[in-house]
């Protein structure tokens, strides 16, 4: 049985700026504090958190939505990629970023806190600067 969760945060930047930063290697690295090599092309691959995370872009709707196949080095070789969907909506104060993470393996709920601590919190600082 696969696991899933949804979390969200309001970030002090426009949806376009947040979306663009997610898909730009230099900006992604700067906003998380860890190395990233990302593609802004459908089907393009990415690595984040100094190679801890990897995957590929499945669907891209500029400024609105990103869907990725996603896994970490903690996934067993026989575990399928999880699905990551990011939705970017204009909101008072900037962007409501909603993250839906699904098709996670049994150990996958650990990533819920990881997204908050390693992405949402540093992104608040990065976009608030």
C-alpha atoms as a PDB file:
ATOM      1  CA  UNK A   1       0.000   0.000   0.000  1.00  0.00           C
ATOM      2  CA  UNK A   2       1.407   3.374  -0.982  1.00  0.00           C
ATOM      3  CA  UNK A   3       1.252   6.453   1.227  1.00  0.00           C
ATOM      4  CA  UNK A   4       0.458  10.067   0.402  1.00  0.00           C
ATOM      5  CA  UNK A   5       0.178  13.479   2.041  1.00  0.00           C
ATOM      6  CA  UNK A   6      -0.456  17.134   1.189  1.00  0.00           C
ATOM      7  CA  UNK A   7       1.083  20.226   2.753  1.00  0.00           C
ATOM      8  CA  UNK A   8       1.047  23.898   1.829  1.00  0.00           C
ATOM      9  CA  UNK A   9       2.636  27.234   2.669  1.00  0.00           C
ATOM     10  CA  UNK A  10       2.323  30.825   1.553  1.00  0.00           C
ATOM     11  CA  UNK A  11       5.593  32.217   0.223  1.00  0.00           C
ATOM     12  CA  UNK A  12       6.392  35.929  -0.194  1.00  0.00           C
ATOM     13  CA  UNK A  13       6.911  35.853  -3.982  1.00  0.00           C
ATOM     14  CA  UNK A  14       4.852  35.568  -7.150  1.00  0.00           C
ATOM     15  CA  UNK A  15       3.823  32.137  -8.488  1.00  0.00           C
ATOM     16  CA  UNK A  16       6.073  32.701 -11.525  1.00  0.00           C
ATOM     17  CA  UNK A  17       9.095  33.481  -9.351  1.00  0.00           C
ATOM     18  CA  UNK A  18       8.582  30.416  -7.114  1.00  0.00           C
ATOM     19  CA  UNK A  19       7.941  28.136 -10.106  1.00  0.00           C
ATOM     20  CA  UNK A  20      10.994  29.463 -11.966  1.00  0.00           C
ATOM     21  CA  UNK A  21      13.229  29.051  -8.908  1.00  0.00           C
ATOM     22  CA  UNK A  22      12.152  25.405  -8.499  1.00  0.00           C
ATOM     23  CA  UNK A  23      13.253  24.617 -12.058  1.00  0.00           C
ATOM     24  CA  UNK A  24      16.522  26.586 -12.100  1.00  0.00           C
ATOM     25  CA  UNK A  25      19.653  24.865 -10.765  1.00  0.00           C
ATOM     26  CA  UNK A  26      21.239  27.978  -9.242  1.00  0.00           C
ATOM     27  CA  UNK A  27      18.008  29.265  -7.651  1.00  0.00           C
ATOM     28  CA  UNK A  28      16.950  25.808  -6.395  1.00  0.00           C
ATOM     29  CA  UNK A  29      20.350  25.405  -4.743  1.00  0.00           C
ATOM     30  CA  UNK A  30      20.196  28.889  -3.219  1.00  0.00           C
ATOM     31  CA  UNK A  31      16.675  28.506  -1.841  1.00  0.00           C
ATOM     32  CA  UNK A  32      17.383  25.125  -0.175  1.00  0.00           C
ATOM     33  CA  UNK A  33      21.043  25.532   0.736  1.00  0.00           C
ATOM     34  CA  UNK A  34      21.986  22.273  -1.002  1.00  0.00           C
ATOM     35  CA  UNK A  35      23.261  21.523  -4.493  1.00  0.00           C
ATOM     36  CA  UNK A  36      20.742  20.954  -7.281  1.00  0.00           C
ATOM     37  CA  UNK A  37      20.907  20.261 -10.995  1.00  0.00           C
ATOM     38  CA  UNK A  38      17.435  20.660 -12.467  1.00  0.00           C
ATOM     39  CA  UNK A  39      15.796  20.866 -15.862  1.00  0.00           C
ATOM     40  CA  UNK A  40      12.965  23.160 -16.909  1.00  0.00           C
ATOM     41  CA  UNK A  41      11.949  20.812 -19.746  1.00  0.00           C
ATOM     42  CA  UNK A  42       9.201  18.151 -19.723  1.00  0.00           C
ATOM     43  CA  UNK A  43      10.936  14.774 -19.444  1.00  0.00           C
ATOM     44  CA  UNK A  44      14.078  16.427 -18.090  1.00  0.00           C
ATOM     45  CA  UNK A  45      15.845  14.902 -15.109  1.00  0.00           C
ATOM     46  CA  UNK A  46      16.853  16.532 -11.856  1.00  0.00           C
ATOM     47  CA  UNK A  47      18.930  15.976  -8.732  1.00  0.00           C
ATOM     48  CA  UNK A  48      18.544  17.931  -5.514  1.00  0.00           C
ATOM     49  CA  UNK A  49      19.994  17.989  -2.031  1.00  0.00           C
ATOM     50  CA  UNK A  50      23.459  17.095  -3.292  1.00  0.00           C
ATOM     51  CA  UNK A  51      22.161  13.964  -5.056  1.00  0.00           C
ATOM     52  CA  UNK A  52      19.943  12.709  -2.220  1.00  0.00           C
ATOM     53  CA  UNK A  53      16.838  13.359  -4.399  1.00  0.00           C
ATOM     54  CA  UNK A  54      16.469  12.513  -8.084  1.00  0.00           C
ATOM     55  CA  UNK A  55      13.750  12.187 -10.659  1.00  0.00           C
ATOM     56  CA  UNK A  56      12.271  13.651 -13.819  1.00  0.00           C
ATOM     57  CA  UNK A  57       9.697  16.206 -14.866  1.00  0.00           C
ATOM     58  CA  UNK A  58       6.435  14.626 -15.999  1.00  0.00           C
ATOM     59  CA  UNK A  59       4.208  17.680 -16.515  1.00  0.00           C
ATOM     60  CA  UNK A  60       5.027  21.384 -16.483  1.00  0.00           C
ATOM     61  CA  UNK A  61       2.496  24.229 -16.597  1.00  0.00           C
ATOM     62  CA  UNK A  62       4.628  27.389 -16.350  1.00  0.00           C
ATOM     63  CA  UNK A  63       3.836  29.423 -13.259  1.00  0.00           C
ATOM     64  CA  UNK A  64       1.052  27.025 -12.233  1.00  0.00           C
ATOM     65  CA  UNK A  65       2.011  23.370 -11.770  1.00  0.00           C
ATOM     66  CA  UNK A  66       4.896  20.897 -11.718  1.00  0.00           C
ATOM     67  CA  UNK A  67       4.494  17.102 -11.633  1.00  0.00           C
ATOM     68  CA  UNK A  68       7.607  15.008 -11.090  1.00  0.00           C
ATOM     69  CA  UNK A  69       8.640  11.393 -10.656  1.00  0.00           C
ATOM     70  CA  UNK A  70      10.607  11.585  -7.400  1.00  0.00           C
ATOM     71  CA  UNK A  71      12.785   9.328  -5.240  1.00  0.00           C
ATOM     72  CA  UNK A  72      15.617   9.499  -2.742  1.00  0.00           C
ATOM     73  CA  UNK A  73      18.641   7.309  -2.139  1.00  0.00           C
ATOM     74  CA  UNK A  74      16.556   5.678   0.627  1.00  0.00           C
ATOM     75  CA  UNK A  75      14.186   4.075  -1.901  1.00  0.00           C
ATOM     76  CA  UNK A  76      14.965   0.412  -2.546  1.00  0.00           C
ATOM     77  CA  UNK A  77      15.821  -0.451  -6.150  1.00  0.00           C
ATOM     78  CA  UNK A  78      12.512  -2.330  -6.514  1.00  0.00           C
ATOM     79  CA  UNK A  79      10.395   0.546  -5.133  1.00  0.00           C
ATOM     80  CA  UNK A  80       8.764   2.659  -7.852  1.00  0.00           C
ATOM     81  CA  UNK A  81       9.237   6.405  -8.048  1.00  0.00           C
ATOM     82  CA  UNK A  82       6.812   8.452  -6.000  1.00  0.00           C
ATOM     83  CA  UNK A  83       4.749  11.264  -7.557  1.00  0.00           C
ATOM     84  CA  UNK A  84       5.286  14.868  -6.560  1.00  0.00           C
ATOM     85  CA  UNK A  85       2.794  17.542  -7.605  1.00  0.00           C
ATOM     86  CA  UNK A  86       3.365  21.221  -6.870  1.00  0.00           C
ATOM     87  CA  UNK A  87       0.596  23.762  -7.409  1.00  0.00           C
ATOM     88  CA  UNK A  88       1.379  27.505  -7.420  1.00  0.00           C
ATOM     89  CA  UNK A  89      -1.549  29.866  -6.778  1.00  0.00           C
ATOM     90  CA  UNK A  90      -1.565  33.619  -6.304  1.00  0.00           C
ATOM     91  CA  UNK A  91      -2.549  34.427  -2.718  1.00  0.00           C
ATOM     92  CA  UNK A  92      -2.482  37.385  -0.393  1.00  0.00           C
ATOM     93  CA  UNK A  93       1.152  37.845   0.522  1.00  0.00           C
ATOM     94  CA  UNK A  94       2.521  35.963  -2.499  1.00  0.00           C
ATOM     95  CA  UNK A  95       2.046  32.342  -3.536  1.00  0.00           C
ATOM     96  CA  UNK A  96       0.152  29.485  -1.972  1.00  0.00           C
ATOM     97  CA  UNK A  97       2.376  26.498  -2.729  1.00  0.00           C
ATOM     98  CA  UNK A  98       0.558  23.181  -2.314  1.00  0.00           C
ATOM     99  CA  UNK A  99       2.674  20.033  -2.399  1.00  0.00           C
ATOM    100  CA  UNK A 100       1.022  16.645  -2.920  1.00  0.00           C
ATOM    101  CA  UNK A 101       3.337  13.671  -2.497  1.00  0.00           C
ATOM    102  CA  UNK A 102       1.878  10.269  -3.424  1.00  0.00           C
ATOM    103  CA  UNK A 103       2.831   6.691  -4.264  1.00  0.00           C
ATOM    104  CA  UNK A 104       5.309   6.724  -1.393  1.00  0.00           C
ATOM    105  CA  UNK A 105       6.765   3.493   0.023  1.00  0.00           C
ATOM    106  CA  UNK A 106       6.178   2.395   3.635  1.00  0.00           C
ATOM    107  CA  UNK A 107       8.961   4.679   4.934  1.00  0.00           C
ATOM    108  CA  UNK A 108       7.615   7.678   2.995  1.00  0.00           C
ATOM    109  CA  UNK A 109       5.863   9.677   5.707  1.00  0.00           C
ATOM    110  CA  UNK A 110       9.277  10.903   6.912  1.00  0.00           C
ATOM    111  CA  UNK A 111       9.330  13.191   3.882  1.00  0.00           C
ATOM    112  CA  UNK A 112       6.397  15.252   5.177  1.00  0.00           C
ATOM    113  CA  UNK A 113       8.566  16.867   7.858  1.00  0.00           C
ATOM    114  CA  UNK A 114      11.488  16.942   5.423  1.00  0.00           C
ATOM    115  CA  UNK A 115       9.543  19.113   2.981  1.00  0.00           C
ATOM    116  CA  UNK A 116       8.706  21.577   5.743  1.00  0.00           C
ATOM    117  CA  UNK A 117      12.202  21.721   7.252  1.00  0.00           C
ATOM    118  CA  UNK A 118      14.316  21.466   4.091  1.00  0.00           C
ATOM    119  CA  UNK A 119      12.144  23.310   1.586  1.00  0.00           C
ATOM    120  CA  UNK A 120       9.288  25.411   2.965  1.00  0.00           C
ATOM    121  CA  UNK A 121      11.240  27.002   5.842  1.00  0.00           C
ATOM    122  CA  UNK A 122      14.348  27.882   3.777  1.00  0.00           C
ATOM    123  CA  UNK A 123      12.107  29.116   0.940  1.00  0.00           C
ATOM    124  CA  UNK A 124      10.443  31.563   3.343  1.00  0.00           C
ATOM    125  CA  UNK A 125      13.864  33.031   4.057  1.00  0.00           C
ATOM    126  CA  UNK A 126      15.024  32.962   0.435  1.00  0.00           C
ATOM    127  CA  UNK A 127      11.947  34.683  -0.996  1.00  0.00           C
ATOM    128  CA  UNK A 128      11.622  37.038   1.964  1.00  0.00           C
ATOM    129  CA  UNK A 129      15.136  38.443   1.449  1.00  0.00           C
END
